[in-house]
C-alpha atoms as a PDB file:
ATOM      1  CA  MET A   1     -75.634 -54.393 119.221  1.00  0.00           C
ATOM      2  CA  LYS A   2     -74.457 -55.766 115.280  1.00  0.00           C
ATOM      3  CA  LYS A   3     -73.194 -52.715 114.023  1.00  0.00           C
ATOM      4  CA  LEU A   4     -71.615 -52.137 117.271  1.00  0.00           C
ATOM      5  CA  LEU A   5     -70.342 -56.098 116.818  1.00  0.00           C
ATOM      6  CA  LEU A   6     -69.166 -55.305 112.978  1.00  0.00           C
ATOM      7  CA  ALA A   7     -67.677 -51.843 113.779  1.00  0.00           C
ATOM      8  CA  LEU A   8     -64.991 -53.707 116.323  1.00  0.00           C
ATOM      9  CA  SER A   9     -64.574 -56.497 113.510  1.00  0.00           C
ATOM     10  CA  VAL A  10     -63.473 -54.111 111.523  1.00  0.00           C
ATOM     11  CA  LEU A  11     -61.052 -52.527 113.686  1.00  0.00           C
ATOM     12  CA  ALA A  12     -59.260 -55.712 115.026  1.00  0.00           C
ATOM     13  CA  LEU A  13     -58.912 -57.188 111.342  1.00  0.00           C
ATOM     14  CA  ALA A  14     -57.840 -53.622 110.771  1.00  0.00           C
ATOM     15  CA  ALA A  15     -55.060 -53.842 113.470  1.00  0.00           C
ATOM     16  CA  ALA A  16     -54.097 -57.487 112.828  1.00  0.00           C
ATOM     17  CA  GLY A  17     -52.738 -56.921 109.104  1.00  0.00           C
ATOM     18  CA  LEU A  18     -55.114 -54.560 107.560  1.00  0.00           C
ATOM     19  CA  VAL A  19     -56.603 -57.866 105.968  1.00  0.00           C
ATOM     20  CA  LEU A  20     -60.330 -56.874 104.917  1.00  0.00           C
ATOM     21  CA  PRO A  21     -64.067 -57.928 103.454  1.00  0.00           C
ATOM     22  CA  ARG A  22     -63.346 -57.070  99.884  1.00  0.00           C
ATOM     23  CA  SER A  23     -65.748 -54.057 100.400  1.00  0.00           C
ATOM     24  CA  SER A  24     -67.632 -52.604 103.194  1.00  0.00           C
ATOM     25  CA  ALA A  25     -70.571 -51.719 100.832  1.00  0.00           C
ATOM     26  CA  ASP A  26     -71.428 -55.818 101.167  1.00  0.00           C
ATOM     27  CA  ALA A  27     -71.273 -55.346 105.109  1.00  0.00           C
ATOM     28  CA  GLU A  28     -74.439 -55.569 107.067  1.00  0.00           C
ATOM     29  CA  GLY A  29     -75.535 -52.574 108.363  1.00  0.00           C
ATOM     30  CA  ALA A  30     -76.530 -50.924 104.800  1.00  0.00           C
ATOM     31  CA  LEU A  31     -73.015 -48.876 105.034  1.00  0.00           C
ATOM     32  CA  VAL A  32     -71.703 -47.285 101.707  1.00  0.00           C
ATOM     33  CA  ALA A  33     -68.299 -47.873 100.984  1.00  0.00           C
ATOM     34  CA  PRO A  34     -66.006 -45.192  99.636  1.00  0.00           C
ATOM     35  CA  VAL A  35     -65.505 -45.025  95.520  1.00  0.00           C
ATOM     36  CA  ILE A  36     -61.762 -44.712  94.389  1.00  0.00           C
ATOM     37  CA  SER A  37     -61.804 -44.637  90.394  1.00  0.00           C
ATOM     38  CA  GLY A  38     -59.151 -43.796  87.648  1.00  0.00           C
ATOM     39  CA  THR A  39     -57.661 -46.666  84.837  1.00  0.00           C
ATOM     40  CA  GLY A  40     -55.829 -48.315  86.217  1.00  0.00           C
ATOM     41  CA  ARG A  41     -53.121 -47.773  84.258  1.00  0.00           C
ATOM     42  CA  VAL A  42     -49.220 -47.929  85.307  1.00  0.00           C
ATOM     43  CA  GLY A  43     -48.339 -44.064  85.862  1.00  0.00           C
ATOM     44  CA  GLU A  44     -52.130 -43.031  85.963  1.00  0.00           C
ATOM     45  CA  THR A  45     -53.172 -41.876  89.952  1.00  0.00           C
ATOM     46  CA  LEU A  46     -56.680 -43.429  91.351  1.00  0.00           C
ATOM     47  CA  THR A  47     -58.708 -40.761  93.264  1.00  0.00           C
ATOM     48  CA  ILE A  48     -61.266 -41.242  95.785  1.00  0.00           C
ATOM     49  CA  LYS A  49     -64.543 -39.970  94.294  1.00  0.00           C
ATOM     50  CA  SER A  50     -66.605 -40.369  96.890  1.00  0.00           C
ATOM     51  CA  LEU A  51     -66.137 -40.978 100.994  1.00  0.00           C
ATOM     52  CA  GLY A  52     -69.783 -42.859 101.038  1.00  0.00           C
ATOM     53  CA  SER A  53     -70.987 -43.237 104.881  1.00  0.00           C
ATOM     54  CA  LEU A  54     -67.803 -40.829 106.118  1.00  0.00           C
ATOM     55  CA  GLU A  55     -69.047 -37.916 104.319  1.00  0.00           C
ATOM     56  CA  GLY A  56     -68.265 -35.031 105.783  1.00  0.00           C
ATOM     57  CA  ASP A  57     -66.894 -36.008 108.757  1.00  0.00           C
ATOM     58  CA  SER A  58     -64.935 -32.784 109.942  1.00  0.00           C
ATOM     59  CA  GLY A  59     -62.604 -34.209 112.223  1.00  0.00           C
ATOM     60  CA  GLY A  60     -59.911 -35.534 108.414  1.00  0.00           C
ATOM     61  CA  TYR A  61     -58.958 -39.081 107.266  1.00  0.00           C
ATOM     62  CA  THR A  62     -56.003 -41.705 107.213  1.00  0.00           C
ATOM     63  CA  TYR A  63     -55.530 -44.076 103.832  1.00  0.00           C
ATOM     64  CA  VAL A  64     -54.017 -46.746 103.551  1.00  0.00           C
ATOM     65  CA  TRP A  65     -54.253 -48.237  99.787  1.00  0.00           C
ATOM     66  CA  LEU A  66     -54.101 -51.762  99.798  1.00  0.00           C
ATOM     67  CA  TRP A  67     -53.315 -54.944  97.585  1.00  0.00           C
ATOM     68  CA  ASP A  68     -55.874 -57.381  97.498  1.00  0.00           C
ATOM     69  CA  GLY A  69     -57.086 -56.464 100.525  1.00  0.00           C
ATOM     70  CA  GLU A  70     -53.339 -55.641 102.450  1.00  0.00           C
ATOM     71  CA  GLN A  71     -51.471 -53.154 103.297  1.00  0.00           C
ATOM     72  CA  VAL A  72     -49.356 -52.297 100.350  1.00  0.00           C
ATOM     73  CA  PRO A  73     -45.656 -52.878 100.854  1.00  0.00           C
ATOM     74  CA  GLY A  74     -43.142 -49.864 101.100  1.00  0.00           C
ATOM     75  CA  PRO A  75     -43.801 -46.971 102.509  1.00  0.00           C
ATOM     76  CA  GLY A  76     -46.604 -46.094 100.001  1.00  0.00           C
ATOM     77  CA  ASP A  77     -49.141 -43.637  99.272  1.00  0.00           C
ATOM     78  CA  THR A  78     -50.412 -42.114 103.149  1.00  0.00           C
ATOM     79  CA  GLY A  79     -53.080 -39.521 100.754  1.00  0.00           C
ATOM     80  CA  PRO A  80     -56.454 -39.788  98.922  1.00  0.00           C
ATOM     81  CA  GLU A  81     -54.356 -40.275  95.465  1.00  0.00           C
ATOM     82  CA  HIS A  82     -52.549 -43.536  94.437  1.00  0.00           C
ATOM     83  CA  THR A  83     -50.450 -43.513  91.183  1.00  0.00           C
ATOM     84  CA  VAL A  84     -49.866 -46.598  89.894  1.00  0.00           C
ATOM     85  CA  THR A  85     -46.816 -48.515  89.729  1.00  0.00           C
ATOM     86  CA  PRO A  86     -45.224 -50.753  87.477  1.00  0.00           C
ATOM     87  CA  GLU A  87     -45.398 -53.279  91.032  1.00  0.00           C
ATOM     88  CA  ASP A  88     -48.998 -52.569  91.552  1.00  0.00           C
ATOM     89  CA  VAL A  89     -49.698 -54.446  87.842  1.00  0.00           C
ATOM     90  CA  GLY A  90     -52.492 -57.479  88.882  1.00  0.00           C
ATOM     91  CA  GLN A  91     -53.240 -56.475  92.503  1.00  0.00           C
ATOM     92  CA  ARG A  92     -56.999 -55.203  92.967  1.00  0.00           C
ATOM     93  CA  LEU A  93     -56.323 -51.804  94.513  1.00  0.00           C
ATOM     94  CA  SER A  94     -58.361 -50.437  96.995  1.00  0.00           C
ATOM     95  CA  VAL A  95     -58.123 -47.846 100.307  1.00  0.00           C
ATOM     96  CA  LEU A  96     -59.069 -48.369 103.296  1.00  0.00           C
ATOM     97  CA  VAL A  97     -60.090 -44.584 104.808  1.00  0.00           C
ATOM     98  CA  ARG A  98     -60.097 -44.632 108.428  1.00  0.00           C
ATOM     99  CA  PRO A  99     -61.991 -41.474 110.408  1.00  0.00           C
ATOM    100  CA  TYR A 100     -59.623 -39.567 113.016  1.00  0.00           C
ATOM    101  CA  ASP A 101     -62.911 -39.772 114.608  1.00  0.00           C
ATOM    102  CA  GLU A 102     -62.728 -43.361 116.223  1.00  0.00           C
ATOM    103  CA  SER A 103     -66.004 -43.593 117.189  1.00  0.00           C
ATOM    104  CA  ARG A 104     -66.129 -44.223 113.435  1.00  0.00           C
ATOM    105  CA  GLU A 105     -65.461 -47.278 112.057  1.00  0.00           C
ATOM    106  CA  PRO A 106     -62.860 -47.522 109.019  1.00  0.00           C
ATOM    107  CA  LEU A 107     -64.917 -48.285 105.435  1.00  0.00           C
ATOM    108  CA  ARG A 108     -62.945 -49.907 102.493  1.00  0.00           C
ATOM    109  CA  SER A 109     -63.428 -48.279  98.640  1.00  0.00           C
ATOM    110  CA  ASN A 110     -63.858 -50.682  95.531  1.00  0.00           C
ATOM    111  CA  GLU A 111     -61.598 -52.134  93.853  1.00  0.00           C
ATOM    112  CA  ILE A 112     -59.780 -51.531  90.168  1.00  0.00           C
ATOM    113  CA  VAL A 113     -57.146 -53.885  88.863  1.00  0.00           C
ATOM    114  CA  ALA A 114     -53.972 -52.659  87.535  1.00  0.00           C
ATOM    115  CA  THR A 115     -52.477 -52.746  84.574  1.00  0.00           C
ATOM    116  CA  LYS A 116     -49.499 -51.536  82.458  1.00  0.00           C
ATOM    117  CA  ARG A 117     -49.546 -48.512  80.908  1.00  0.00           C
ATOM    118  CA  GLY A 118     -51.476 -48.216  77.414  1.00  0.00           C
ATOM    119  CA  LEU A 119     -48.944 -46.921  74.407  1.00  0.00           C
ATOM    120  CA  ALA A 120     -49.841 -44.695  71.410  1.00  0.00           C
ATOM    121  CA  ALA A 121     -49.466 -45.874  68.311  1.00  0.00           C
ATOM    122  CA  PRO A 122     -47.404 -43.768  66.130  1.00  0.00           C
ATOM    123  CA  GLY A 123     -48.895 -42.096  63.140  1.00  0.00           C
ATOM    124  CA  VAL A 124     -47.806 -43.240  59.187  1.00  0.00           C
ATOM    125  CA  ARG A 125     -49.398 -41.892  56.410  1.00  0.00           C
ATOM    126  CA  VAL A 126     -48.712 -44.790  52.867  1.00  0.00           C
ATOM    127  CA  SER A 127     -48.771 -42.988  49.424  1.00  0.00           C
ATOM    128  CA  GLY A 128     -47.127 -44.256  46.358  1.00  0.00           C
ATOM    129  CA  THR A 129     -49.173 -46.212  43.519  1.00  0.00           C
ATOM    130  CA  ALA A 130     -51.095 -48.876  44.286  1.00  0.00           C
ATOM    131  CA  ALA A 131     -49.590 -51.103  41.206  1.00  0.00           C
ATOM    132  CA  VAL A 132     -47.126 -53.759  40.476  1.00  0.00           C
ATOM    133  CA  LYS A 133     -43.789 -52.528  39.865  1.00  0.00           C
ATOM    134  CA  ARG A 134     -44.316 -49.263  41.708  1.00  0.00           C
ATOM    135  CA  THR A 135     -42.779 -48.191  45.337  1.00  0.00           C
ATOM    136  CA  LEU A 136     -44.641 -47.475  47.786  1.00  0.00           C
ATOM    137  CA  THR A 137     -44.110 -45.127  51.236  1.00  0.00           C
ATOM    138  CA  ALA A 138     -44.485 -45.059  54.961  1.00  0.00           C
ATOM    139  CA  THR A 139     -43.737 -41.803  56.182  1.00  0.00           C
ATOM    140  CA  PHE A 140     -44.236 -41.374  60.106  1.00  0.00           C
ATOM    141  CA  THR A 141     -46.428 -38.050  60.770  1.00  0.00           C
ATOM    142  CA  SER A 142     -46.744 -38.617  64.693  1.00  0.00           C
ATOM    143  CA  PRO A 143     -44.339 -40.180  66.954  1.00  0.00           C
ATOM    144  CA  GLY A 144     -46.350 -42.280  68.939  1.00  0.00           C
ATOM    145  CA  THR A 145     -45.388 -43.263  72.997  1.00  0.00           C
ATOM    146  CA  GLU A 146     -42.046 -41.803  74.611  1.00  0.00           C
ATOM    147  CA  GLY A 147     -39.191 -44.035  75.172  1.00  0.00           C
ATOM    148  CA  ALA A 148     -41.360 -47.094  73.143  1.00  0.00           C
ATOM    149  CA  SER A 149     -39.118 -49.205  70.379  1.00  0.00           C
ATOM    150  CA  VAL A 150     -41.270 -49.599  67.006  1.00  0.00           C
ATOM    151  CA  ILE A 151     -41.538 -52.215  65.320  1.00  0.00           C
ATOM    152  CA  SER A 152     -42.079 -52.079  61.118  1.00  0.00           C
ATOM    153  CA  SER A 153     -43.236 -54.311  58.695  1.00  0.00           C
ATOM    154  CA  TRP A 154     -45.058 -54.602  55.269  1.00  0.00           C
ATOM    155  CA  THR A 155     -47.516 -56.866  55.533  1.00  0.00           C
ATOM    156  CA  ARG A 156     -49.793 -58.576  52.374  1.00  0.00           C
ATOM    157  CA  ASP A 157     -53.154 -59.916  53.020  1.00  0.00           C
ATOM    158  CA  GLY A 158     -52.528 -59.308  56.777  1.00  0.00           C
ATOM    159  CA  LEU A 159     -48.799 -61.415  56.859  1.00  0.00           C
ATOM    160  CA  ASP A 160     -45.833 -60.174  56.869  1.00  0.00           C
ATOM    161  CA  ILE A 161     -43.771 -60.187  53.740  1.00  0.00           C
ATOM    162  CA  LEU A 162     -40.507 -61.197  54.076  1.00  0.00           C
ATOM    163  CA  GLY A 163     -37.506 -59.062  54.197  1.00  0.00           C
ATOM    164  CA  ALA A 164     -39.854 -56.043  54.104  1.00  0.00           C
ATOM    165  CA  SER A 165     -39.502 -53.828  57.039  1.00  0.00           C
ATOM    166  CA  GLY A 166     -38.224 -50.527  55.648  1.00  0.00           C
ATOM    167  CA  GLN A 167     -40.266 -47.593  55.106  1.00  0.00           C
ATOM    168  CA  THR A 168     -40.533 -48.290  51.205  1.00  0.00           C
ATOM    169  CA  TYR A 169     -41.780 -51.371  49.636  1.00  0.00           C
ATOM    170  CA  LEU A 170     -41.621 -52.469  46.028  1.00  0.00           C
ATOM    171  CA  LEU A 171     -44.559 -54.053  44.567  1.00  0.00           C
ATOM    172  CA  THR A 172     -44.393 -57.366  42.943  1.00  0.00           C
ATOM    173  CA  THR A 173     -46.119 -59.543  40.657  1.00  0.00           C
ATOM    174  CA  GLU A 174     -46.957 -61.829  43.842  1.00  0.00           C
ATOM    175  CA  ASP A 175     -49.073 -58.730  45.330  1.00  0.00           C
ATOM    176  CA  ALA A 176     -51.347 -58.775  42.782  1.00  0.00           C
ATOM    177  CA  GLY A 177     -54.543 -59.287  43.476  1.00  0.00           C
ATOM    178  CA  ARG A 178     -53.994 -58.987  47.201  1.00  0.00           C
ATOM    179  CA  SER A 179     -54.447 -56.147  50.268  1.00  0.00           C
ATOM    180  CA  ILE A 180     -51.129 -54.365  51.147  1.00  0.00           C
ATOM    181  CA  ALA A 181     -50.413 -52.531  54.591  1.00  0.00           C
ATOM    182  CA  PHE A 182     -48.103 -51.686  56.611  1.00  0.00           C
ATOM    183  CA  ARG A 183     -47.904 -52.220  60.727  1.00  0.00           C
ATOM    184  CA  THR A 184     -46.381 -51.286  63.132  1.00  0.00           C
ATOM    185  CA  THR A 185     -45.957 -52.470  66.256  1.00  0.00           C
ATOM    186  CA  SER A 186     -44.736 -50.458  70.077  1.00  0.00           C
ATOM    187  CA  VAL A 187     -43.595 -52.289  72.435  1.00  0.00           C
ATOM    188  CA  LYS A 188     -42.192 -50.529  75.703  1.00  0.00           C
ATOM    189  CA  ASP A 189     -40.806 -52.274  79.104  1.00  0.00           C
ATOM    190  CA  ASP A 190     -44.173 -51.362  80.935  1.00  0.00           C
ATOM    191  CA  ALA A 191     -46.944 -51.488  78.549  1.00  0.00           C
ATOM    192  CA  PRO A 192     -48.437 -54.419  76.536  1.00  0.00           C
ATOM    193  CA  GLU A 193     -47.224 -54.757  72.963  1.00  0.00           C
ATOM    194  CA  LEU A 194     -49.468 -52.218  70.585  1.00  0.00           C
ATOM    195  CA  GLU A 195     -50.197 -53.334  66.924  1.00  0.00           C
ATOM    196  CA  THR A 196     -51.699 -50.796  64.578  1.00  0.00           C
ATOM    197  CA  SER A 197     -51.801 -51.371  60.640  1.00  0.00           C
ATOM    198  CA  THR A 198     -52.706 -48.453  58.028  1.00  0.00           C
ATOM    199  CA  ALA A 199     -56.039 -49.118  55.698  1.00  0.00           C
ATOM    200  CA  ALA A 200     -54.940 -51.821  53.024  1.00  0.00           C
ATOM    201  CA  LEU A 201     -54.566 -51.076  49.510  1.00  0.00           C
ATOM    202  CA  ARG A 202     -55.720 -53.541  46.897  1.00  0.00           C
ATOM    203  CA  ILE A 203     -53.261 -53.865  43.975  1.00  0.00           C
ATOM    204  CA  PRO A 204     -54.747 -54.652  40.941  1.00  0.00           C
ATOM    205  CA  ALA A 205     -53.729 -57.773  38.037  1.00  0.00           C
ATOM    206  CA  TYR A 206     -50.747 -57.151  36.658  1.00  0.00           C
ATOM    207  CA  ALA A 207     -50.772 -58.517  33.088  1.00  0.00           C
ATOM    208  CA  GLY A 208     -47.270 -59.495  32.309  1.00  0.00           C
ATOM    209  CA  SER A 209     -48.048 -60.339  28.246  1.00  0.00           C
ATOM    210  CA  ARG A 210     -50.174 -59.031  25.816  1.00  0.00           C
ATOM    211  CA  PRO A 211     -52.934 -61.298  24.972  1.00  0.00           C
ATOM    212  CA  THR A 212     -52.802 -63.035  21.241  1.00  0.00           C
ATOM    213  CA  VAL A 213     -55.211 -63.422  18.422  1.00  0.00           C
ATOM    214  CA  SER A 214     -55.234 -66.344  15.835  1.00  0.00           C
ATOM    215  CA  GLY A 215     -56.275 -66.983  12.500  1.00  0.00           C
ATOM    216  CA  THR A 216     -56.133 -65.197   9.070  1.00  0.00           C
ATOM    217  CA  PHE A 217     -57.497 -61.616   8.797  1.00  0.00           C
ATOM    218  CA  LYS A 218     -59.604 -61.417   6.134  1.00  0.00           C
ATOM    219  CA  VAL A 219     -63.421 -60.529   5.658  1.00  0.00           C
ATOM    220  CA  GLY A 220     -65.642 -63.814   6.380  1.00  0.00           C
ATOM    221  CA  LYS A 221     -63.243 -65.491   8.342  1.00  0.00           C
ATOM    222  CA  LYS A 222     -63.110 -65.705  11.755  1.00  0.00           C
ATOM    223  CA  VAL A 223     -60.883 -65.211  14.824  1.00  0.00           C
ATOM    224  CA  LYS A 224     -59.963 -66.209  17.990  1.00  0.00           C
ATOM    225  CA  ILE A 225     -58.773 -65.370  20.882  1.00  0.00           C
ATOM    226  CA  LYS A 226     -55.026 -67.575  21.728  1.00  0.00           C
ATOM    227  CA  SER A 227     -54.220 -66.606  24.412  1.00  0.00           C
ATOM    228  CA  ARG A 228     -55.360 -64.417  27.219  1.00  0.00           C
ATOM    229  CA  GLY A 229     -51.739 -63.389  28.229  1.00  0.00           C
ATOM    230  CA  ALA A 230     -49.862 -63.711  31.250  1.00  0.00           C
ATOM    231  CA  TRP A 231     -51.312 -62.414  33.986  1.00  0.00           C
ATOM    232  CA  SER A 232     -50.618 -62.141  37.964  1.00  0.00           C
ATOM    233  CA  GLY A 233     -53.393 -61.552  40.363  1.00  0.00           C
ATOM    234  CA  ALA A 234     -54.945 -63.930  42.825  1.00  0.00           C
ATOM    235  CA  GLY A 235     -58.828 -64.271  42.474  1.00  0.00           C
ATOM    236  CA  TYR A 236     -58.624 -62.297  39.877  1.00  0.00           C
ATOM    237  CA  ARG A 237     -60.841 -63.684  36.356  1.00  0.00           C
ATOM    238  CA  TYR A 238     -60.037 -63.023  32.700  1.00  0.00           C
ATOM    239  CA  THR A 239     -63.705 -63.769  30.815  1.00  0.00           C
ATOM    240  CA  THR A 240     -64.700 -60.905  29.830  1.00  0.00           C
ATOM    241  CA  PHE A 241     -63.381 -59.945  26.289  1.00  0.00           C
ATOM    242  CA  ARG A 242     -63.994 -57.209  23.595  1.00  0.00           C
ATOM    243  CA  TRP A 243     -63.357 -57.103  20.282  1.00  0.00           C
ATOM    244  CA  LEU A 244     -62.338 -53.447  18.845  1.00  0.00           C
ATOM    245  CA  ARG A 245     -61.694 -51.519  15.493  1.00  0.00           C
ATOM    246  CA  ASN A 246     -59.590 -49.437  15.201  1.00  0.00           C
ATOM    247  CA  GLY A 247     -59.714 -48.970  18.838  1.00  0.00           C
ATOM    248  CA  LYS A 248     -63.392 -48.697  19.179  1.00  0.00           C
ATOM    249  CA  PRO A 249     -65.340 -51.128  20.564  1.00  0.00           C
ATOM    250  CA  ILE A 250     -67.079 -53.494  18.218  1.00  0.00           C
ATOM    251  CA  SER A 251     -70.802 -53.703  18.689  1.00  0.00           C
ATOM    252  CA  GLY A 252     -72.040 -57.107  20.057  1.00  0.00           C
ATOM    253  CA  ALA A 253     -68.330 -58.789  19.633  1.00  0.00           C
ATOM    254  CA  THR A 254     -68.070 -60.345  23.698  1.00  0.00           C
ATOM    255  CA  LYS A 255     -67.001 -63.577  23.121  1.00  0.00           C
ATOM    256  CA  SER A 256     -63.991 -65.383  22.425  1.00  0.00           C
ATOM    257  CA  THR A 257     -63.754 -65.833  19.087  1.00  0.00           C
ATOM    258  CA  TYR A 258     -65.008 -63.189  16.130  1.00  0.00           C
ATOM    259  CA  LYS A 259     -66.039 -63.122  12.246  1.00  0.00           C
ATOM    260  CA  LEU A 260     -65.067 -60.376  10.635  1.00  0.00           C
ATOM    261  CA  THR A 261     -67.432 -58.691   8.545  1.00  0.00           C
ATOM    262  CA  LYS A 262     -66.860 -55.544   5.497  1.00  0.00           C
ATOM    263  CA  LYS A 263     -66.962 -53.181   8.603  1.00  0.00           C
ATOM    264  CA  ASP A 264     -63.646 -54.319   9.316  1.00  0.00           C
ATOM    265  CA  ARG A 265     -62.268 -53.913   5.699  1.00  0.00           C
ATOM    266  CA  ARG A 266     -58.605 -51.822   5.496  1.00  0.00           C
ATOM    267  CA  LYS A 267     -59.482 -51.727   9.270  1.00  0.00           C
ATOM    268  CA  ARG A 268     -57.414 -52.799  12.209  1.00  0.00           C
ATOM    269  CA  VAL A 269     -58.597 -55.240  14.363  1.00  0.00           C
ATOM    270  CA  SER A 270     -57.953 -56.580  18.047  1.00  0.00           C
ATOM    271  CA  VAL A 271     -59.349 -58.045  21.718  1.00  0.00           C
ATOM    272  CA  ARG A 272     -59.403 -56.526  24.775  1.00  0.00           C
ATOM    273  CA  VAL A 273     -59.160 -59.008  28.129  1.00  0.00           C
ATOM    274  CA  THR A 274     -60.120 -57.845  31.199  1.00  0.00           C
ATOM    275  CA  GLY A 275     -59.378 -59.381  34.427  1.00  0.00           C
ATOM    276  CA  THR A 276     -62.128 -58.621  37.604  1.00  0.00           C
ATOM    277  CA  LYS A 277     -62.247 -59.162  40.867  1.00  0.00           C
ATOM    278  CA  LYS A 278     -64.975 -58.001  43.415  1.00  0.00           C
ATOM    279  CA  GLY A 279     -63.395 -55.624  45.525  1.00  0.00           C
ATOM    280  CA  PHE A 280     -60.250 -54.602  43.199  1.00  0.00           C
ATOM    281  CA  ALA A 281     -59.750 -52.652  40.608  1.00  0.00           C
ATOM    282  CA  SER A 282     -60.807 -54.298  36.852  1.00  0.00           C
ATOM    283  CA  VAL A 283     -57.617 -54.710  34.892  1.00  0.00           C
ATOM    284  CA  ALA A 284     -57.575 -54.930  30.864  1.00  0.00           C
ATOM    285  CA  ALA A 285     -54.165 -55.683  28.259  1.00  0.00           C
ATOM    286  CA  VAL A 286     -55.174 -55.332  24.800  1.00  0.00           C
ATOM    287  CA  SER A 287     -53.511 -57.547  21.842  1.00  0.00           C
ATOM    288  CA  ALA A 288     -51.177 -55.835  19.186  1.00  0.00           C
ATOM    289  CA  SER A 289     -53.811 -55.046  15.849  1.00  0.00           C
ATOM    290  CA  THR A 290     -53.467 -57.015  12.517  1.00  0.00           C
ATOM    291  CA  LYS A 291     -55.254 -55.158   8.972  1.00  0.00           C
ATOM    292  CA  VAL A 292     -58.063 -56.733   7.946  1.00  0.00           C
ATOM    293  CA  ARG A 293     -57.703 -57.535   4.663  1.00  0.00           C
END
């Protein structure tokens, strides 16, 4: 008796505007609802994967596609498949399957929310030397989604660089110690924006001028670093020193001062200052060399 009343109720709702329970599988009587599958994205197709309790009916079926339980406006799809349209976006799509055999009640499928079409990002390759005063070039290797507009920008530590929207970029001292990437934003009316970036290039520090040394270059005298040089490089530390004799490291000479020895006589002495930052390449600059008396 309960099953008969349930069937009459569902038929009555279907006849009066097709407003139905959210899932026929939730109704009393352990009926198994049809199942639809698909992503729900605009342009793609939803398909009936299973007819549930209606499986095996030789009499055939009619199909009514629904928005939030009500018939989709307009002529709509009347078969077992529905192609998602821009008008469907945001709606909970399902299908009402009605057997030709009127002794069997119609059942409604699960719901899939319609969403905007997904975009494919263009392929990009960045080439060039990652160093201040060198040029990077972004080359598009694949077009991405047809009809989509692509906005490009070079970024520094994830933020757009003002005026840097072309495919080439000349690295400046502001980029030293920073991470540089090429970002694309794909835009299309029927899809959400898609933003992607190339792998970031870490730009090492840049020495704008050499270190300088002061003192008397004579055996027994002490010389010291007067200036570490003019560096650009966010986050770099310039605290690693190495004194050199004819361009080769002097054992143990790693402080900011150095006392000249007999081994230095008639040799040329200089100092190397190295900038370091975790995750970035170390960079060194060497002072002018001076002959020891």
